[in-house]
């Protein structure tokens, strides 16, 4: 897994991997032969974060329902 995004450098065929760390943008050069694997890793991270959000939403929904039911009791 990897955070960030891949950006093509202006007026070039080279690519950078951009991430945010400790309040700063961190950029590293990515060789063209690594682009596909890096994009798959970024996609995996994004999928993981989506699943975490769905899980949190469900736990919040259950917690609210439990609180509501406890008020009625």
PDB file of N, CA and C in Angstrom:
ATOM      1  N   UNK A   1       0.834  -1.178   0.000  1.00  0.00           N
ATOM      2  CA  UNK A   1       0.000   0.000   0.000  1.00  0.00           C
ATOM      3  C   UNK A   1       0.882   1.246   0.000  1.00  0.00           C
ATOM      4  N   UNK A   2       0.349   2.273  -0.617  1.00  0.00           N
ATOM      5  CA  UNK A   2       1.035   3.574  -0.649  1.00  0.00           C
ATOM      6  C   UNK A   2      -0.006   4.685  -0.593  1.00  0.00           C
ATOM      7  N   UNK A   3       0.318   5.742   0.111  1.00  0.00           N
ATOM      8  CA  UNK A   3      -0.491   6.955   0.077  1.00  0.00           C
ATOM      9  C   UNK A   3      -0.037   7.806  -1.091  1.00  0.00           C
ATOM     10  N   UNK A   4      -0.863   8.801  -1.416  1.00  0.00           N
ATOM     11  CA  UNK A   4      -0.429   9.814  -2.362  1.00  0.00           C
ATOM     12  C   UNK A   4      -1.038   9.679  -3.726  1.00  0.00           C
ATOM     13  N   UNK A   5      -0.377  10.345  -4.665  1.00  0.00           N
ATOM     14  CA  UNK A   5      -0.840  10.311  -6.043  1.00  0.00           C
ATOM     15  C   UNK A   5       0.359  10.417  -6.970  1.00  0.00           C
ATOM     16  N   UNK A   6       0.141  10.011  -8.201  1.00  0.00           N
ATOM     17  CA  UNK A   6       1.171  10.087  -9.234  1.00  0.00           C
ATOM     18  C   UNK A   6       0.858  11.295 -10.112  1.00  0.00           C
ATOM     19  N   UNK A   7       1.867  12.112 -10.342  1.00  0.00           N
ATOM     20  CA  UNK A   7       1.695  13.302 -11.168  1.00  0.00           C
ATOM     21  C   UNK A   7       2.763  13.314 -12.257  1.00  0.00           C
ATOM     22  N   UNK A   8       2.317  13.613 -13.478  1.00  0.00           N
ATOM     23  CA  UNK A   8       3.294  13.757 -14.553  1.00  0.00           C
ATOM     24  C   UNK A   8       3.944  15.122 -14.430  1.00  0.00           C
ATOM     25  N   UNK A   9       5.245  15.158 -14.574  1.00  0.00           N
ATOM     26  CA  UNK A   9       5.979  16.411 -14.486  1.00  0.00           C
ATOM     27  C   UNK A   9       5.671  17.260 -15.727  1.00  0.00           C
ATOM     28  N   UNK A  10       5.562  18.562 -15.537  1.00  0.00           N
ATOM     29  CA  UNK A  10       5.226  19.462 -16.643  1.00  0.00           C
ATOM     30  C   UNK A  10       6.267  19.381 -17.750  1.00  0.00           C
ATOM     31  N   UNK A  11       5.748  19.311 -18.964  1.00  0.00           N
ATOM     32  CA  UNK A  11       6.578  19.305 -20.171  1.00  0.00           C
ATOM     33  C   UNK A  11       7.590  18.165 -20.193  1.00  0.00           C
ATOM     34  N   UNK A  12       7.292  17.084 -19.491  1.00  0.00           N
ATOM     35  CA  UNK A  12       8.190  15.918 -19.463  1.00  0.00           C
ATOM     36  C   UNK A  12       7.376  14.646 -19.487  1.00  0.00           C
ATOM     37  N   UNK A  13       8.068  13.545 -19.734  1.00  0.00           N
ATOM     38  CA  UNK A  13       7.415  12.245 -19.684  1.00  0.00           C
ATOM     39  C   UNK A  13       7.727  11.540 -18.362  1.00  0.00           C
ATOM     40  N   UNK A  14       8.294  12.261 -17.402  1.00  0.00           N
ATOM     41  CA  UNK A  14       8.646  11.679 -16.114  1.00  0.00           C
ATOM     42  C   UNK A  14       7.501  11.885 -15.129  1.00  0.00           C
ATOM     43  N   UNK A  15       7.510  11.086 -14.067  1.00  0.00           N
ATOM     44  CA  UNK A  15       6.435  11.120 -13.089  1.00  0.00           C
ATOM     45  C   UNK A  15       6.981  11.280 -11.681  1.00  0.00           C
ATOM     46  N   UNK A  16       6.181  11.890 -10.830  1.00  0.00           N
ATOM     47  CA  UNK A  16       6.501  12.034  -9.407  1.00  0.00           C
ATOM     48  C   UNK A  16       5.419  11.359  -8.585  1.00  0.00           C
ATOM     49  N   UNK A  17       5.809  10.858  -7.437  1.00  0.00           N
ATOM     50  CA  UNK A  17       4.875  10.334  -6.455  1.00  0.00           C
ATOM     51  C   UNK A  17       4.816  11.373  -5.350  1.00  0.00           C
ATOM     52  N   UNK A  18       3.626  11.957  -5.145  1.00  0.00           N
ATOM     53  CA  UNK A  18       3.469  13.009  -4.154  1.00  0.00           C
ATOM     54  C   UNK A  18       2.691  12.489  -2.955  1.00  0.00           C
ATOM     55  N   UNK A  19       3.216  12.746  -1.767  1.00  0.00           N
ATOM     56  CA  UNK A  19       2.537  12.386  -0.524  1.00  0.00           C
ATOM     57  C   UNK A  19       2.647  13.553   0.448  1.00  0.00           C
ATOM     58  N   UNK A  20       1.827  13.518   1.468  1.00  0.00           N
ATOM     59  CA  UNK A  20       1.831  14.545   2.501  1.00  0.00           C
ATOM     60  C   UNK A  20       2.352  13.894   3.773  1.00  0.00           C
ATOM     61  N   UNK A  21       3.415  14.430   4.364  1.00  0.00           N
ATOM     62  CA  UNK A  21       3.987  13.845   5.574  1.00  0.00           C
ATOM     63  C   UNK A  21       4.487  14.959   6.481  1.00  0.00           C
ATOM     64  N   UNK A  22       4.081  14.889   7.749  1.00  0.00           N
ATOM     65  CA  UNK A  22       4.506  15.872   8.747  1.00  0.00           C
ATOM     66  C   UNK A  22       4.283  17.308   8.286  1.00  0.00           C
ATOM     67  N   UNK A  23       3.142  17.544   7.661  1.00  0.00           N
ATOM     68  CA  UNK A  23       2.795  18.889   7.258  1.00  0.00           C
ATOM     69  C   UNK A  23       3.497  19.408   6.014  1.00  0.00           C
ATOM     70  N   UNK A  24       4.128  18.520   5.281  1.00  0.00           N
ATOM     71  CA  UNK A  24       4.844  18.952   4.079  1.00  0.00           C
ATOM     72  C   UNK A  24       4.592  17.980   2.929  1.00  0.00           C
ATOM     73  N   UNK A  25       4.627  18.518   1.724  1.00  0.00           N
ATOM     74  CA  UNK A  25       4.502  17.698   0.525  1.00  0.00           C
ATOM     75  C   UNK A  25       5.842  17.022   0.264  1.00  0.00           C
ATOM     76  N   UNK A  26       5.825  15.712   0.146  1.00  0.00           N
ATOM     77  CA  UNK A  26       7.039  14.943  -0.134  1.00  0.00           C
ATOM     78  C   UNK A  26       6.904  14.396  -1.553  1.00  0.00           C
ATOM     79  N   UNK A  27       7.910  14.636  -2.369  1.00  0.00           N
ATOM     80  CA  UNK A  27       7.868  14.248  -3.773  1.00  0.00           C
ATOM     81  C   UNK A  27       9.075  13.379  -4.075  1.00  0.00           C
ATOM     82  N   UNK A  28       8.815  12.296  -4.787  1.00  0.00           N
ATOM     83  CA  UNK A  28       9.932  11.459  -5.238  1.00  0.00           C
ATOM     84  C   UNK A  28       9.705  11.064  -6.685  1.00  0.00           C
ATOM     85  N   UNK A  29      10.782  10.945  -7.419  1.00  0.00           N
ATOM     86  CA  UNK A  29      10.736  10.540  -8.821  1.00  0.00           C
ATOM     87  C   UNK A  29      10.357   9.075  -8.904  1.00  0.00           C
ATOM     88  N   UNK A  30       9.541   8.736  -9.899  1.00  0.00           N
ATOM     89  CA  UNK A  30       9.131   7.353 -10.110  1.00  0.00           C
ATOM     90  C   UNK A  30       9.538   6.930 -11.517  1.00  0.00           C
ATOM     91  N   UNK A  31      10.383   5.915 -11.620  1.00  0.00           N
ATOM     92  CA  UNK A  31      10.725   5.408 -12.952  1.00  0.00           C
ATOM     93  C   UNK A  31       9.477   4.864 -13.652  1.00  0.00           C
ATOM     94  N   UNK A  32       9.423   5.008 -14.954  1.00  0.00           N
ATOM     95  CA  UNK A  32       8.251   4.606 -15.722  1.00  0.00           C
ATOM     96  C   UNK A  32       7.899   3.133 -15.517  1.00  0.00           C
ATOM     97  N   UNK A  33       8.897   2.275 -15.340  1.00  0.00           N
ATOM     98  CA  UNK A  33       8.616   0.846 -15.178  1.00  0.00           C
ATOM     99  C   UNK A  33       8.006   0.507 -13.811  1.00  0.00           C
ATOM    100  N   UNK A  34       7.956   1.458 -12.887  1.00  0.00           N
ATOM    101  CA  UNK A  34       7.348   1.236 -11.577  1.00  0.00           C
ATOM    102  C   UNK A  34       5.948   1.848 -11.453  1.00  0.00           C
ATOM    103  N   UNK A  35       5.514   2.575 -12.479  1.00  0.00           N
ATOM    104  CA  UNK A  35       4.245   3.304 -12.400  1.00  0.00           C
ATOM    105  C   UNK A  35       3.053   2.390 -12.150  1.00  0.00           C
ATOM    106  N   UNK A  36       2.953   1.310 -12.883  1.00  0.00           N
ATOM    107  CA  UNK A  36       1.797   0.420 -12.769  1.00  0.00           C
ATOM    108  C   UNK A  36       1.692  -0.177 -11.361  1.00  0.00           C
ATOM    109  N   UNK A  37       2.796  -0.657 -10.823  1.00  0.00           N
ATOM    110  CA  UNK A  37       2.787  -1.240  -9.481  1.00  0.00           C
ATOM    111  C   UNK A  37       2.483  -0.182  -8.428  1.00  0.00           C
ATOM    112  N   UNK A  38       3.051   1.006  -8.577  1.00  0.00           N
ATOM    113  CA  UNK A  38       2.791   2.084  -7.622  1.00  0.00           C
ATOM    114  C   UNK A  38       1.321   2.483  -7.658  1.00  0.00           C
ATOM    115  N   UNK A  39       0.736   2.593  -8.854  1.00  0.00           N
ATOM    116  CA  UNK A  39      -0.676   2.953  -8.952  1.00  0.00           C
ATOM    117  C   UNK A  39      -1.547   1.892  -8.291  1.00  0.00           C
ATOM    118  N   UNK A  40      -1.192   0.626  -8.448  1.00  0.00           N
ATOM    119  CA  UNK A  40      -1.940  -0.455  -7.795  1.00  0.00           C
ATOM    120  C   UNK A  40      -1.845  -0.319  -6.277  1.00  0.00           C
ATOM    121  N   UNK A  41      -0.678   0.041  -5.773  1.00  0.00           N
ATOM    122  CA  UNK A  41      -0.497   0.234  -4.333  1.00  0.00           C
ATOM    123  C   UNK A  41      -1.313   1.423  -3.824  1.00  0.00           C
ATOM    124  N   UNK A  42      -1.358   2.500  -4.587  1.00  0.00           N
ATOM    125  CA  UNK A  42      -2.157   3.667  -4.212  1.00  0.00           C
ATOM    126  C   UNK A  42      -3.640   3.310  -4.235  1.00  0.00           C
ATOM    127  N   UNK A  43      -4.053   2.575  -5.252  1.00  0.00           N
ATOM    128  CA  UNK A  43      -5.452   2.138  -5.329  1.00  0.00           C
ATOM    129  C   UNK A  43      -5.815   1.254  -4.139  1.00  0.00           C
ATOM    130  N   UNK A  44      -4.903   0.394  -3.717  1.00  0.00           N
ATOM    131  CA  UNK A  44      -5.140  -0.465  -2.547  1.00  0.00           C
ATOM    132  C   UNK A  44      -5.323   0.373  -1.287  1.00  0.00           C
ATOM    133  N   UNK A  45      -4.508   1.379  -1.120  1.00  0.00           N
ATOM    134  CA  UNK A  45      -4.633   2.263   0.042  1.00  0.00           C
ATOM    135  C   UNK A  45      -5.982   2.978   0.022  1.00  0.00           C
ATOM    136  N   UNK A  46      -6.371   3.487  -1.134  1.00  0.00           N
ATOM    137  CA  UNK A  46      -7.654   4.183  -1.240  1.00  0.00           C
ATOM    138  C   UNK A  46      -8.821   3.243  -0.955  1.00  0.00           C
ATOM    139  N   UNK A  47      -8.735   2.011  -1.426  1.00  0.00           N
ATOM    140  CA  UNK A  47      -9.779   1.023  -1.136  1.00  0.00           C
ATOM    141  C   UNK A  47      -9.832   0.740   0.365  1.00  0.00           C
ATOM    142  N   UNK A  48      -8.679   0.590   0.994  1.00  0.00           N
ATOM    143  CA  UNK A  48      -8.610   0.368   2.434  1.00  0.00           C
ATOM    144  C   UNK A  48      -9.274   1.519   3.189  1.00  0.00           C
ATOM    145  N   UNK A  49      -8.956   2.748   2.796  1.00  0.00           N
ATOM    146  CA  UNK A  49      -9.537   3.907   3.469  1.00  0.00           C
ATOM    147  C   UNK A  49     -11.053   3.971   3.271  1.00  0.00           C
ATOM    148  N   UNK A  50     -11.531   3.583   2.098  1.00  0.00           N
ATOM    149  CA  UNK A  50     -12.977   3.524   1.863  1.00  0.00           C
ATOM    150  C   UNK A  50     -13.632   2.498   2.779  1.00  0.00           C
ATOM    151  N   UNK A  51     -13.005   1.350   2.923  1.00  0.00           N
ATOM    152  CA  UNK A  51     -13.548   0.306   3.796  1.00  0.00           C
ATOM    153  C   UNK A  51     -13.533   0.744   5.265  1.00  0.00           C
ATOM    154  N   UNK A  52     -12.477   1.431   5.684  1.00  0.00           N
ATOM    155  CA  UNK A  52     -12.410   1.953   7.054  1.00  0.00           C
ATOM    156  C   UNK A  52     -13.550   2.939   7.287  1.00  0.00           C
ATOM    157  N   UNK A  53     -13.802   3.794   6.308  1.00  0.00           N
ATOM    158  CA  UNK A  53     -14.889   4.769   6.429  1.00  0.00           C
ATOM    159  C   UNK A  53     -16.245   4.075   6.528  1.00  0.00           C
ATOM    160  N   UNK A  54     -16.446   3.053   5.715  1.00  0.00           N
ATOM    161  CA  UNK A  54     -17.702   2.301   5.769  1.00  0.00           C
ATOM    162  C   UNK A  54     -17.872   1.627   7.132  1.00  0.00           C
ATOM    163  N   UNK A  55     -16.796   1.052   7.641  1.00  0.00           N
ATOM    164  CA  UNK A  55     -16.842   0.402   8.953  1.00  0.00           C
ATOM    165  C   UNK A  55     -17.175   1.422  10.046  1.00  0.00           C
ATOM    166  N   UNK A  56     -16.500   2.567  10.019  1.00  0.00           N
ATOM    167  CA  UNK A  56     -16.762   3.606  11.012  1.00  0.00           C
ATOM    168  C   UNK A  56     -18.211   4.076  10.926  1.00  0.00           C
ATOM    169  N   UNK A  57     -18.720   4.266   9.713  1.00  0.00           N
ATOM    170  CA  UNK A  57     -20.109   4.696   9.543  1.00  0.00           C
ATOM    171  C   UNK A  57     -21.074   3.676  10.150  1.00  0.00           C
ATOM    172  N   UNK A  58     -20.798   2.412   9.967  1.00  0.00           N
ATOM    173  CA  UNK A  58     -21.671   1.366  10.517  1.00  0.00           C
ATOM    174  C   UNK A  58     -21.606   1.331  12.047  1.00  0.00           C
ATOM    175  N   UNK A  59     -20.414   1.461  12.603  1.00  0.00           N
ATOM    176  CA  UNK A  59     -20.274   1.487  14.063  1.00  0.00           C
ATOM    177  C   UNK A  59     -20.991   2.704  14.640  1.00  0.00           C
ATOM    178  N   UNK A  60     -20.874   3.836  13.985  1.00  0.00           N
ATOM    179  CA  UNK A  60     -21.569   5.043  14.429  1.00  0.00           C
ATOM    180  C   UNK A  60     -23.080   4.830  14.378  1.00  0.00           C
ATOM    181  N   UNK A  61     -23.563   4.228  13.305  1.00  0.00           N
ATOM    182  CA  UNK A  61     -24.990   3.960  13.180  1.00  0.00           C
ATOM    183  C   UNK A  61     -25.471   3.061  14.316  1.00  0.00           C
ATOM    184  N   UNK A  62     -24.723   2.003  14.611  1.00  0.00           N
ATOM    185  CA  UNK A  62     -25.091   1.071  15.679  1.00  0.00           C
ATOM    186  C   UNK A  62     -25.051   1.772  17.032  1.00  0.00           C
ATOM    187  N   UNK A  63     -24.023   2.561  17.273  1.00  0.00           N
ATOM    188  CA  UNK A  63     -23.886   3.281  18.540  1.00  0.00           C
ATOM    189  C   UNK A  63     -25.057   4.229  18.754  1.00  0.00           C
ATOM    190  N   UNK A  64     -25.425   4.944  17.735  1.00  0.00           N
ATOM    191  CA  UNK A  64     -26.554   5.869  17.849  1.00  0.00           C
ATOM    192  C   UNK A  64     -27.854   5.117  18.132  1.00  0.00           C
ATOM    193  N   UNK A  65     -28.029   3.994  17.463  1.00  0.00           N
ATOM    194  CA  UNK A  65     -29.226   3.173  17.685  1.00  0.00           C
ATOM    195  C   UNK A  65     -29.268   2.661  19.117  1.00  0.00           C
ATOM    196  N   UNK A  66     -28.124   2.203  19.625  1.00  0.00           N
ATOM    197  CA  UNK A  66     -28.057   1.723  21.009  1.00  0.00           C
ATOM    198  C   UNK A  66     -28.377   2.848  21.999  1.00  0.00           C
ATOM    199  N   UNK A  67     -27.828   4.039  21.765  1.00  0.00           N
ATOM    200  CA  UNK A  67     -28.126   5.173  22.639  1.00  0.00           C
ATOM    201  C   UNK A  67     -29.606   5.513  22.622  1.00  0.00           C
ATOM    202  N   UNK A  68     -30.173   5.494  21.437  1.00  0.00           N
ATOM    203  CA  UNK A  68     -31.598   5.794  21.284  1.00  0.00           C
ATOM    204  C   UNK A  68     -32.437   4.749  22.031  1.00  0.00           C
ATOM    205  N   UNK A  69     -32.088   3.493  21.910  1.00  0.00           N
ATOM    206  CA  UNK A  69     -32.823   2.426  22.591  1.00  0.00           C
ATOM    207  C   UNK A  69     -32.662   2.498  24.097  1.00  0.00           C
ATOM    208  N   UNK A  70     -31.493   2.920  24.587  1.00  0.00           N
ATOM    209  CA  UNK A  70     -31.259   3.051  26.014  1.00  0.00           C
ATOM    210  C   UNK A  70     -32.059   4.210  26.614  1.00  0.00           C
ATOM    211  N   UNK A  71     -32.300   5.249  25.859  1.00  0.00           N
ATOM    212  CA  UNK A  71     -33.104   6.381  26.331  1.00  0.00           C
ATOM    213  C   UNK A  71     -34.556   5.963  26.533  1.00  0.00           C
ATOM    214  N   UNK A  72     -35.014   5.042  25.688  1.00  0.00           N
ATOM    215  CA  UNK A  72     -36.406   4.602  25.774  1.00  0.00           C
ATOM    216  C   UNK A  72     -36.629   3.642  26.933  1.00  0.00           C
ATOM    217  N   UNK A  73     -35.583   2.986  27.377  1.00  0.00           N
ATOM    218  CA  UNK A  73     -35.727   1.970  28.419  1.00  0.00           C
ATOM    219  C   UNK A  73     -35.897   2.558  29.792  1.00  0.00           C
TER     220      UNK A  73
END
